[in-house]
Amino acid sequence: MKYLKLIRYKNLLLLAFMQFIFRYGFLELQNIPLALSDWQYGLLVLSTVLIAAAGYVINNIFDQDTDLENKPEDVIIGKHISEASAYNIYAALNISGVAIGFYLSNVIVKPSFAAIFILIAASLYIYATSLKQIMILGNVIVALLLSLSVVIIGIFDLYPVVDARNQALMANLFSVLLDYAVFAFIINFIREIVKDLEDISGDTNQGMKTLAIVLGVEKTAKLVFALGILSIITLFVYTNNYFIANDLLIATLYTYLFVLAPLLLFTIKIWTAKSKEEFRILSTLLKWILFFGIVSILIITLNIKYNA
């Protein structure tokens, strides 16, 4: 179990779950052709997970000093595994993930798409070694990479089978994936800032310049509050325009109860949050909001199917 913390296995499970639910809780129920077979799609998920795991490993390697102060109980490198072994694990994970990506790119007869996997792996390395030190930019990169894991589903499973007859339908389905990619970006971007608030003590001692350090806890918390309000308004308008307007009662109630209500709770709590423990709880709450937001694609799909 200790070694699994090296790759943040819970986050990887959420990532895999997200990609599987978009395939089998959304695309498979649309009665459309898909480019990848079930086992090939499994390889796509595996490739994404392996590269993400490599990202966690390299991040842990470069965050050893910070983690010793912020989360000493989670430190693996130097305690249970050597730095050299960690680099070997990082290389093995990355090579495996990119190799699978290269294979899948050839399966869909788009060999140049292998560059996507190389770009993701390179971005995670650059983030861990330098971008993480840059205020806001590091948060944006992490959030973008998560949203890309949604977009990549459309790139590999929808785009290769688009033709003149199904172009409009495929474009509509791809737009749905983009909507969820934007949702994932926003929630994860906010969560990354909250995590910076949680880790402000160790980050300060390591000379980092996160938003929380530059603005201070109080101002950063107020900024997160504003982002929370904007997210609530955006999601409320989206729900009214797409769910209520199309008489999707179950999808509407689900979104209100399991996404909007927790997001409202988060926004209220962040206004007065000050302690490391409070920020840790709020970060976990955002993870659950992301989880339930992802599950909503299945709820919406079934609501449309059985209302029709």
Foldseek 3Di string as FASTA:
>chain_A
DLVVLLQPVVVLVLLLVLLVCCVVLFVVLPPDAWLDDPVLSVLLSLLLSLLSSLLSLLLLLLCVQLCCPQPVVNRCDPPPHDSVVSVVSSVVSLVSSLVSLCVLCVSLPNNVSSVVSVVLSVLSNCLSPPVVLDELSSLQSVLLSSLVSLLVSLVRIPVSPDDPVCPVVSVVSSVVSNVLSVVSSLLSSLLVLLVCLLSVVSCVVVVGDYPCVVVPLQVSLVVSLVSLVVVLVVVVVVCCVPQVVVVLVQLSVLCVPQANVLSVVLSVQSNPDRHSVSSVVSSVSSVSNSSSSSCSSSSSSVSVVVVD
